[in-house]
Amino acid sequence: VMMLDVNLERLREGFWANLPLALAVGGVMVVEMIAI
């Protein structure tokens, strides 16, 4: 991480577009963990 020159702005570009899918997958994982 410290050797690579990571462009943080470019990494954040698709954050809001992928947020609904990420929340859905995270919600399923939380429900499964609570059930177990």
PDB file of all heavy atoms in Angstrom:
ATOM      1  N   VAL A   1       0.833  -1.205   0.000  1.00  0.00           N
ATOM      2  CA  VAL A   1       0.000   0.000   0.000  1.00  0.00           C
ATOM      3  C   VAL A   1       0.864   1.250   0.000  1.00  0.00           C
ATOM      4  O   VAL A   1       0.574   2.229  -0.700  1.00  0.00           O
ATOM      5  CB  VAL A   1      -0.964  -0.014   1.214  1.00  0.00           C
ATOM      6  CG1 VAL A   1      -1.573   1.350   1.455  1.00  0.00           C
ATOM      7  CG2 VAL A   1      -2.062  -1.037   0.992  1.00  0.00           C
ATOM      8  N   MET A   2       1.955   1.230   0.765  1.00  0.00           N
ATOM      9  CA  MET A   2       2.790   2.419   0.844  1.00  0.00           C
ATOM     10  C   MET A   2       3.689   2.571  -0.380  1.00  0.00           C
ATOM     11  O   MET A   2       4.091   3.682  -0.718  1.00  0.00           O
ATOM     12  CB  MET A   2       3.628   2.384   2.126  1.00  0.00           C
ATOM     13  CG  MET A   2       2.759   2.486   3.368  1.00  0.00           C
ATOM     14  SD  MET A   2       3.671   2.333   4.892  1.00  0.00           S
ATOM     15  CE  MET A   2       4.333   3.961   5.042  1.00  0.00           C
ATOM     16  N   MET A   3       4.017   1.461  -1.062  1.00  0.00           N
ATOM     17  CA  MET A   3       4.856   1.555  -2.254  1.00  0.00           C
ATOM     18  C   MET A   3       4.062   1.956  -3.494  1.00  0.00           C
ATOM     19  O   MET A   3       4.587   2.619  -4.383  1.00  0.00           O
ATOM     20  CB  MET A   3       5.557   0.214  -2.513  1.00  0.00           C
ATOM     21  CG  MET A   3       6.624  -0.116  -1.510  1.00  0.00           C
ATOM     22  SD  MET A   3       8.001   1.026  -1.544  1.00  0.00           S
ATOM     23  CE  MET A   3       8.748   0.634  -3.096  1.00  0.00           C
ATOM     24  N   LEU A   4       2.789   1.546  -3.571  1.00  0.00           N
ATOM     25  CA  LEU A   4       1.976   1.884  -4.731  1.00  0.00           C
ATOM     26  C   LEU A   4       1.423   3.291  -4.582  1.00  0.00           C
ATOM     27  O   LEU A   4       1.080   3.728  -3.486  1.00  0.00           O
ATOM     28  CB  LEU A   4       0.819   0.893  -4.880  1.00  0.00           C
ATOM     29  CG  LEU A   4       1.209  -0.549  -5.191  1.00  0.00           C
ATOM     30  CD1 LEU A   4      -0.033  -1.408  -5.242  1.00  0.00           C
ATOM     31  CD2 LEU A   4       1.936  -0.629  -6.520  1.00  0.00           C
ATOM     32  N   ASP A   5       1.297   3.949  -5.684  1.00  0.00           N
ATOM     33  CA  ASP A   5       0.680   5.275  -5.677  1.00  0.00           C
ATOM     34  C   ASP A   5      -0.810   5.093  -5.967  1.00  0.00           C
ATOM     35  O   ASP A   5      -1.239   5.068  -7.114  1.00  0.00           O
ATOM     36  CB  ASP A   5       1.346   6.162  -6.732  1.00  0.00           C
ATOM     37  CG  ASP A   5       0.881   7.601  -6.633  1.00  0.00           C
ATOM     38  OD1 ASP A   5       0.313   7.952  -5.574  1.00  0.00           O
ATOM     39  OD2 ASP A   5       1.066   8.346  -7.594  1.00  0.00           O
ATOM     40  N   VAL A   6      -1.598   4.916  -4.907  1.00  0.00           N
ATOM     41  CA  VAL A   6      -3.016   4.610  -5.065  1.00  0.00           C
ATOM     42  C   VAL A   6      -3.786   5.911  -5.265  1.00  0.00           C
ATOM     43  O   VAL A   6      -3.680   6.847  -4.467  1.00  0.00           O
ATOM     44  CB  VAL A   6      -3.544   3.858  -3.826  1.00  0.00           C
ATOM     45  CG1 VAL A   6      -5.020   3.552  -3.975  1.00  0.00           C
ATOM     46  CG2 VAL A   6      -2.753   2.588  -3.608  1.00  0.00           C
ATOM     47  N   ASN A   7      -4.577   5.956  -6.343  1.00  0.00           N
ATOM     48  CA  ASN A   7      -5.434   7.113  -6.613  1.00  0.00           C
ATOM     49  C   ASN A   7      -6.751   6.910  -5.863  1.00  0.00           C
ATOM     50  O   ASN A   7      -7.629   6.167  -6.302  1.00  0.00           O
ATOM     51  CB  ASN A   7      -5.674   7.245  -8.117  1.00  0.00           C
ATOM     52  CG  ASN A   7      -6.383   8.535  -8.454  1.00  0.00           C
ATOM     53  OD1 ASN A   7      -6.755   9.305  -7.571  1.00  0.00           O
ATOM     54  ND2 ASN A   7      -6.570   8.779  -9.731  1.00  0.00           N
ATOM     55  N   LEU A   8      -6.893   7.588  -4.712  1.00  0.00           N
ATOM     56  CA  LEU A   8      -8.061   7.376  -3.867  1.00  0.00           C
ATOM     57  C   LEU A   8      -9.340   7.895  -4.502  1.00  0.00           C
ATOM     58  O   LEU A   8     -10.409   7.315  -4.325  1.00  0.00           O
ATOM     59  CB  LEU A   8      -7.842   8.052  -2.504  1.00  0.00           C
ATOM     60  CG  LEU A   8      -6.668   7.510  -1.685  1.00  0.00           C
ATOM     61  CD1 LEU A   8      -6.511   8.305  -0.408  1.00  0.00           C
ATOM     62  CD2 LEU A   8      -6.875   6.048  -1.370  1.00  0.00           C
ATOM     63  N   GLU A   9      -9.259   8.986  -5.236  1.00  0.00           N
ATOM     64  CA  GLU A   9     -10.469   9.527  -5.862  1.00  0.00           C
ATOM     65  C   GLU A   9     -11.031   8.563  -6.892  1.00  0.00           C
ATOM     66  O   GLU A   9     -12.240   8.406  -7.016  1.00  0.00           O
ATOM     67  CB  GLU A   9     -10.143  10.873  -6.523  1.00  0.00           C
ATOM     68  CG  GLU A   9      -9.728  11.959  -5.542  1.00  0.00           C
ATOM     69  CD  GLU A   9     -10.789  12.225  -4.491  1.00  0.00           C
ATOM     70  OE1 GLU A   9     -11.989  12.168  -4.828  1.00  0.00           O
ATOM     71  OE2 GLU A   9     -10.415  12.460  -3.324  1.00  0.00           O
ATOM     72  N   ARG A  10     -10.162   7.895  -7.619  1.00  0.00           N
ATOM     73  CA  ARG A  10     -10.628   6.936  -8.626  1.00  0.00           C
ATOM     74  C   ARG A  10     -11.252   5.708  -7.973  1.00  0.00           C
ATOM     75  O   ARG A  10     -12.182   5.114  -8.503  1.00  0.00           O
ATOM     76  CB  ARG A  10      -9.455   6.534  -9.505  1.00  0.00           C
ATOM     77  CG  ARG A  10      -9.862   5.789 -10.733  1.00  0.00           C
ATOM     78  CD  ARG A  10      -8.695   5.608 -11.656  1.00  0.00           C
ATOM     79  NE  ARG A  10      -9.025   4.709 -12.737  1.00  0.00           N
ATOM     80  CZ  ARG A  10      -8.160   4.170 -13.563  1.00  0.00           C
ATOM     81  NH1 ARG A  10      -6.895   4.474 -13.446  1.00  0.00           N
ATOM     82  NH2 ARG A  10      -8.543   3.365 -14.504  1.00  0.00           N
ATOM     83  N   LEU A  11     -10.723   5.313  -6.806  1.00  0.00           N
ATOM     84  CA  LEU A  11     -11.291   4.173  -6.109  1.00  0.00           C
ATOM     85  C   LEU A  11     -12.687   4.457  -5.574  1.00  0.00           C
ATOM     86  O   LEU A  11     -13.516   3.562  -5.477  1.00  0.00           O
ATOM     87  CB  LEU A  11     -10.383   3.762  -4.938  1.00  0.00           C
ATOM     88  CG  LEU A  11      -9.070   3.085  -5.292  1.00  0.00           C
ATOM     89  CD1 LEU A  11      -8.260   2.845  -4.037  1.00  0.00           C
ATOM     90  CD2 LEU A  11      -9.326   1.775  -6.000  1.00  0.00           C
ATOM     91  N   ARG A  12     -12.951   5.722  -5.230  1.00  0.00           N
ATOM     92  CA  ARG A  12     -14.240   6.074  -4.638  1.00  0.00           C
ATOM     93  C   ARG A  12     -15.324   6.360  -5.671  1.00  0.00           C
ATOM     94  O   ARG A  12     -16.456   6.626  -5.293  1.00  0.00           O
ATOM     95  CB  ARG A  12     -14.066   7.302  -3.747  1.00  0.00           C
ATOM     96  CG  ARG A  12     -13.239   7.035  -2.520  1.00  0.00           C
ATOM     97  CD  ARG A  12     -13.343   8.190  -1.543  1.00  0.00           C
ATOM     98  NE  ARG A  12     -12.299   8.061  -0.542  1.00  0.00           N
ATOM     99  CZ  ARG A  12     -11.308   8.913  -0.383  1.00  0.00           C
ATOM    100  NH1 ARG A  12     -11.206   9.962  -1.149  1.00  0.00           N
ATOM    101  NH2 ARG A  12     -10.407   8.731   0.555  1.00  0.00           N
ATOM    102  N   GLU A  13     -14.971   6.319  -6.947  1.00  0.00           N
ATOM    103  CA  GLU A  13     -15.954   6.708  -7.963  1.00  0.00           C
ATOM    104  C   GLU A  13     -17.176   5.798  -7.968  1.00  0.00           C
ATOM    105  O   GLU A  13     -18.299   6.265  -8.082  1.00  0.00           O
ATOM    106  CB  GLU A  13     -15.294   6.697  -9.348  1.00  0.00           C
ATOM    107  CG  GLU A  13     -14.411   7.906  -9.592  1.00  0.00           C
ATOM    108  CD  GLU A  13     -13.697   7.816 -10.931  1.00  0.00           C
ATOM    109  OE1 GLU A  13     -13.900   6.816 -11.647  1.00  0.00           O
ATOM    110  OE2 GLU A  13     -12.938   8.737 -11.248  1.00  0.00           O
ATOM    111  N   GLY A  14     -17.007   4.489  -7.855  1.00  0.00           N
ATOM    112  CA  GLY A  14     -18.137   3.570  -7.941  1.00  0.00           C
ATOM    113  C   GLY A  14     -18.741   3.200  -6.614  1.00  0.00           C
ATOM    114  O   GLY A  14     -19.499   2.229  -6.523  1.00  0.00           O
ATOM    115  N   PHE A  15     -18.452   3.979  -5.555  1.00  0.00           N
ATOM    116  CA  PHE A  15     -18.928   3.614  -4.221  1.00  0.00           C
ATOM    117  C   PHE A  15     -20.446   3.680  -4.133  1.00  0.00           C
ATOM    118  O   PHE A  15     -21.102   2.741  -3.700  1.00  0.00           O
ATOM    119  CB  PHE A  15     -18.289   4.535  -3.175  1.00  0.00           C
ATOM    120  CG  PHE A  15     -18.782   4.295  -1.782  1.00  0.00           C
ATOM    121  CD1 PHE A  15     -18.322   3.205  -1.065  1.00  0.00           C
ATOM    122  CD2 PHE A  15     -19.713   5.137  -1.194  1.00  0.00           C
ATOM    123  CE1 PHE A  15     -18.773   2.968   0.222  1.00  0.00           C
ATOM    124  CE2 PHE A  15     -20.167   4.905   0.087  1.00  0.00           C
ATOM    125  CZ  PHE A  15     -19.695   3.820   0.792  1.00  0.00           C
ATOM    126  N   TRP A  16     -21.031   4.783  -4.531  1.00  0.00           N
ATOM    127  CA  TRP A  16     -22.483   4.955  -4.372  1.00  0.00           C
ATOM    128  C   TRP A  16     -23.265   4.046  -5.313  1.00  0.00           C
ATOM    129  O   TRP A  16     -24.376   3.624  -4.996  1.00  0.00           O
ATOM    130  CB  TRP A  16     -22.873   6.411  -4.596  1.00  0.00           C
ATOM    131  CG  TRP A  16     -22.317   7.309  -3.536  1.00  0.00           C
ATOM    132  CD1 TRP A  16     -21.322   8.223  -3.675  1.00  0.00           C
ATOM    133  CD2 TRP A  16     -22.692   7.338  -2.157  1.00  0.00           C
ATOM    134  NE1 TRP A  16     -21.046   8.823  -2.479  1.00  0.00           N
ATOM    135  CE2 TRP A  16     -21.877   8.302  -1.528  1.00  0.00           C
ATOM    136  CE3 TRP A  16     -23.623   6.644  -1.397  1.00  0.00           C
ATOM    137  CZ2 TRP A  16     -21.982   8.588  -0.178  1.00  0.00           C
ATOM    138  CZ3 TRP A  16     -23.725   6.922  -0.048  1.00  0.00           C
ATOM    139  CH2 TRP A  16     -22.909   7.898   0.553  1.00  0.00           C
ATOM    140  N   ALA A  17     -22.685   3.717  -6.460  1.00  0.00           N
ATOM    141  CA  ALA A  17     -23.382   2.819  -7.390  1.00  0.00           C
ATOM    142  C   ALA A  17     -23.459   1.398  -6.838  1.00  0.00           C
ATOM    143  O   ALA A  17     -24.431   0.681  -7.070  1.00  0.00           O
ATOM    144  CB  ALA A  17     -22.675   2.820  -8.745  1.00  0.00           C
ATOM    145  N   ASN A  18     -22.427   0.971  -6.089  1.00  0.00           N
ATOM    146  CA  ASN A  18     -22.386  -0.391  -5.547  1.00  0.00           C
ATOM    147  C   ASN A  18     -22.936  -0.492  -4.132  1.00  0.00           C
ATOM    148  O   ASN A  18     -22.991  -1.598  -3.579  1.00  0.00           O
ATOM    149  CB  ASN A  18     -20.944  -0.915  -5.564  1.00  0.00           C
ATOM    150  CG  ASN A  18     -20.387  -1.035  -6.960  1.00  0.00           C
ATOM    151  OD1 ASN A  18     -21.118  -1.377  -7.886  1.00  0.00           O
ATOM    152  ND2 ASN A  18     -19.110  -0.743  -7.114  1.00  0.00           N
ATOM    153  N   LEU A  19     -23.341   0.630  -3.536  1.00  0.00           N
ATOM    154  CA  LEU A  19     -23.801   0.615  -2.144  1.00  0.00           C
ATOM    155  C   LEU A  19     -25.050  -0.237  -1.929  1.00  0.00           C
ATOM    156  O   LEU A  19     -25.099  -1.005  -0.961  1.00  0.00           O
ATOM    157  CB  LEU A  19     -24.024   2.052  -1.656  1.00  0.00           C
ATOM    158  CG  LEU A  19     -24.405   2.187  -0.181  1.00  0.00           C
ATOM    159  CD1 LEU A  19     -23.278   1.660   0.693  1.00  0.00           C
ATOM    160  CD2 LEU A  19     -24.719   3.623   0.157  1.00  0.00           C
ATOM    161  N   PRO A  20     -26.098  -0.172  -2.777  1.00  0.00           N
ATOM    162  CA  PRO A  20     -27.280  -1.021  -2.515  1.00  0.00           C
ATOM    163  C   PRO A  20     -26.960  -2.519  -2.507  1.00  0.00           C
ATOM    164  O   PRO A  20     -27.431  -3.255  -1.632  1.00  0.00           O
ATOM    165  CB  PRO A  20     -28.242  -0.657  -3.660  1.00  0.00           C
ATOM    166  CG  PRO A  20     -27.805   0.685  -4.116  1.00  0.00           C
ATOM    167  CD  PRO A  20     -26.336   0.735  -3.893  1.00  0.00           C
ATOM    168  N   LEU A  21     -26.165  -2.958  -3.469  1.00  0.00           N
ATOM    169  CA  LEU A  21     -25.796  -4.378  -3.510  1.00  0.00           C
ATOM    170  C   LEU A  21     -24.976  -4.758  -2.279  1.00  0.00           C
ATOM    171  O   LEU A  21     -25.181  -5.821  -1.680  1.00  0.00           O
ATOM    172  CB  LEU A  21     -25.011  -4.682  -4.788  1.00  0.00           C
ATOM    173  CG  LEU A  21     -24.522  -6.118  -4.941  1.00  0.00           C
ATOM    174  CD1 LEU A  21     -25.685  -7.082  -5.014  1.00  0.00           C
ATOM    175  CD2 LEU A  21     -23.626  -6.247  -6.158  1.00  0.00           C
ATOM    176  N   ALA A  22     -24.048  -3.884  -1.884  1.00  0.00           N
ATOM    177  CA  ALA A  22     -23.222  -4.166  -0.701  1.00  0.00           C
ATOM    178  C   ALA A  22     -24.078  -4.243   0.558  1.00  0.00           C
ATOM    179  O   ALA A  22     -23.874  -5.121   1.410  1.00  0.00           O
ATOM    180  CB  ALA A  22     -22.146  -3.100  -0.561  1.00  0.00           C
ATOM    181  N   LEU A  23     -25.057  -3.344   0.694  1.00  0.00           N
ATOM    182  CA  LEU A  23     -25.938  -3.388   1.868  1.00  0.00           C
ATOM    183  C   LEU A  23     -26.794  -4.653   1.866  1.00  0.00           C
ATOM    184  O   LEU A  23     -27.032  -5.247   2.929  1.00  0.00           O
ATOM    185  CB  LEU A  23     -26.829  -2.148   1.890  1.00  0.00           C
ATOM    186  CG  LEU A  23     -26.121  -0.832   2.242  1.00  0.00           C
ATOM    187  CD1 LEU A  23     -27.091   0.340   2.138  1.00  0.00           C
ATOM    188  CD2 LEU A  23     -25.514  -0.906   3.634  1.00  0.00           C
ATOM    189  N   ALA A  24     -27.270  -5.073   0.684  1.00  0.00           N
ATOM    190  CA  ALA A  24     -28.080  -6.295   0.612  1.00  0.00           C
ATOM    191  C   ALA A  24     -27.258  -7.524   1.018  1.00  0.00           C
ATOM    192  O   ALA A  24     -27.714  -8.355   1.825  1.00  0.00           O
ATOM    193  CB  ALA A  24     -28.639  -6.468  -0.799  1.00  0.00           C
ATOM    194  N   VAL A  25     -26.039  -7.633   0.487  1.00  0.00           N
ATOM    195  CA  VAL A  25     -25.176  -8.776   0.830  1.00  0.00           C
ATOM    196  C   VAL A  25     -24.810  -8.730   2.313  1.00  0.00           C
ATOM    197  O   VAL A  25     -24.833  -9.756   3.016  1.00  0.00           O
ATOM    198  CB  VAL A  25     -23.915  -8.781  -0.058  1.00  0.00           C
ATOM    199  CG1 VAL A  25     -22.917  -9.815   0.416  1.00  0.00           C
ATOM    200  CG2 VAL A  25     -24.297  -9.039  -1.508  1.00  0.00           C
ATOM    201  N   GLY A  26     -24.492  -7.536   2.822  1.00  0.00           N
ATOM    202  CA  GLY A  26     -24.172  -7.408   4.244  1.00  0.00           C
ATOM    203  C   GLY A  26     -25.353  -7.765   5.129  1.00  0.00           C
ATOM    204  O   GLY A  26     -25.186  -8.407   6.163  1.00  0.00           O
ATOM    205  N   GLY A  27     -26.566  -7.371   4.723  1.00  0.00           N
ATOM    206  CA  GLY A  27     -27.756  -7.711   5.495  1.00  0.00           C
ATOM    207  C   GLY A  27     -28.001  -9.214   5.545  1.00  0.00           C
ATOM    208  O   GLY A  27     -28.343  -9.771   6.600  1.00  0.00           O
ATOM    209  N   VAL A  28     -27.821  -9.881   4.407  1.00  0.00           N
ATOM    210  CA  VAL A  28     -27.976 -11.349   4.381  1.00  0.00           C
ATOM    211  C   VAL A  28     -26.956 -12.016   5.296  1.00  0.00           C
ATOM    212  O   VAL A  28     -27.286 -12.948   6.055  1.00  0.00           O
ATOM    213  CB  VAL A  28     -27.851 -11.866   2.926  1.00  0.00           C
ATOM    214  CG1 VAL A  28     -27.745 -13.381   2.896  1.00  0.00           C
ATOM    215  CG2 VAL A  28     -29.035 -11.405   2.093  1.00  0.00           C
ATOM    216  N   MET A  29     -25.723 -11.524   5.270  1.00  0.00           N
ATOM    217  CA  MET A  29     -24.685 -12.105   6.135  1.00  0.00           C
ATOM    218  C   MET A  29     -25.010 -11.893   7.611  1.00  0.00           C
ATOM    219  O   MET A  29     -24.820 -12.797   8.435  1.00  0.00           O
ATOM    220  CB  MET A  29     -23.322 -11.507   5.792  1.00  0.00           C
ATOM    221  CG  MET A  29     -22.786 -11.958   4.451  1.00  0.00           C
ATOM    222  SD  MET A  29     -21.264 -11.126   3.963  1.00  0.00           S
ATOM    223  CE  MET A  29     -20.149 -11.657   5.234  1.00  0.00           C
ATOM    224  N   VAL A  30     -25.522 -10.712   7.963  1.00  0.00           N
ATOM    225  CA  VAL A  30     -25.876 -10.445   9.363  1.00  0.00           C
ATOM    226  C   VAL A  30     -27.008 -11.351   9.822  1.00  0.00           C
ATOM    227  O   VAL A  30     -26.973 -11.919  10.922  1.00  0.00           O
ATOM    228  CB  VAL A  30     -26.237  -8.955   9.529  1.00  0.00           C
ATOM    229  CG1 VAL A  30     -26.908  -8.708  10.867  1.00  0.00           C
ATOM    230  CG2 VAL A  30     -25.004  -8.092   9.402  1.00  0.00           C
ATOM    231  N   VAL A  31     -28.018 -11.532   8.969  1.00  0.00           N
ATOM    232  CA  VAL A  31     -29.135 -12.418   9.326  1.00  0.00           C
ATOM    233  C   VAL A  31     -28.649 -13.855   9.516  1.00  0.00           C
ATOM    234  O   VAL A  31     -29.054 -14.539  10.467  1.00  0.00           O
ATOM    235  CB  VAL A  31     -30.242 -12.330   8.238  1.00  0.00           C
ATOM    236  CG1 VAL A  31     -31.272 -13.424   8.424  1.00  0.00           C
ATOM    237  CG2 VAL A  31     -30.905 -10.971   8.271  1.00  0.00           C
ATOM    238  N   GLU A  32     -27.774 -14.314   8.618  1.00  0.00           N
ATOM    239  CA  GLU A  32     -27.247 -15.676   8.753  1.00  0.00           C
ATOM    240  C   GLU A  32     -26.440 -15.829  10.040  1.00  0.00           C
ATOM    241  O   GLU A  32     -26.572 -16.838  10.747  1.00  0.00           O
ATOM    242  CB  GLU A  32     -26.367 -16.018   7.549  1.00  0.00           C
ATOM    243  CG  GLU A  32     -27.135 -16.244   6.270  1.00  0.00           C
ATOM    244  CD  GLU A  32     -26.228 -16.477   5.082  1.00  0.00           C
ATOM    245  OE1 GLU A  32     -25.000 -16.262   5.213  1.00  0.00           O
ATOM    246  OE2 GLU A  32     -26.743 -16.872   4.031  1.00  0.00           O
ATOM    247  N   MET A  33     -25.604 -14.845  10.364  1.00  0.00           N
ATOM    248  CA  MET A  33     -24.809 -14.941  11.590  1.00  0.00           C
ATOM    249  C   MET A  33     -25.689 -14.928  12.831  1.00  0.00           C
ATOM    250  O   MET A  33     -25.452 -15.690  13.774  1.00  0.00           O
ATOM    251  CB  MET A  33     -23.782 -13.804  11.631  1.00  0.00           C
ATOM    252  CG  MET A  33     -22.605 -14.021  10.710  1.00  0.00           C
ATOM    253  SD  MET A  33     -21.246 -12.878  10.970  1.00  0.00           S
ATOM    254  CE  MET A  33     -21.900 -11.399  10.254  1.00  0.00           C
ATOM    255  N   ILE A  34     -26.712 -14.084  12.841  1.00  0.00           N
ATOM    256  CA  ILE A  34     -27.621 -14.039  13.994  1.00  0.00           C
ATOM    257  C   ILE A  34     -28.348 -15.370  14.137  1.00  0.00           C
ATOM    258  O   ILE A  34     -28.506 -15.893  15.248  1.00  0.00           O
ATOM    259  CB  ILE A  34     -28.604 -12.860  13.849  1.00  0.00           C
ATOM    260  CG1 ILE A  34     -27.849 -11.539  14.043  1.00  0.00           C
ATOM    261  CG2 ILE A  34     -29.743 -12.972  14.850  1.00  0.00           C
ATOM    262  CD1 ILE A  34     -28.673 -10.317  13.771  1.00  0.00           C
ATOM    263  N   ALA A  35     -28.786 -15.960  13.013  1.00  0.00           N
ATOM    264  CA  ALA A  35     -29.479 -17.251  13.079  1.00  0.00           C
ATOM    265  C   ALA A  35     -28.568 -18.345  13.620  1.00  0.00           C
ATOM    266  O   ALA A  35     -28.972 -19.158  14.457  1.00  0.00           O
ATOM    267  CB  ALA A  35     -29.993 -17.627  11.691  1.00  0.00           C
ATOM    268  N   ILE A  36     -27.324 -18.359  13.169  1.00  0.00           N
ATOM    269  CA  ILE A  36     -26.392 -19.392  13.633  1.00  0.00           C
ATOM    270  C   ILE A  36     -26.055 -19.196  15.113  1.00  0.00           C
ATOM    271  O   ILE A  36     -26.051 -20.152  15.896  1.00  0.00           O
ATOM    272  CB  ILE A  36     -25.114 -19.373  12.774  1.00  0.00           C
ATOM    273  CG1 ILE A  36     -25.420 -19.887  11.375  1.00  0.00           C
ATOM    274  CG2 ILE A  36     -24.010 -20.202  13.410  1.00  0.00           C
ATOM    275  CD1 ILE A  36     -24.287 -19.714  10.398  1.00  0.00           C
TER     276      ILE A  36
END
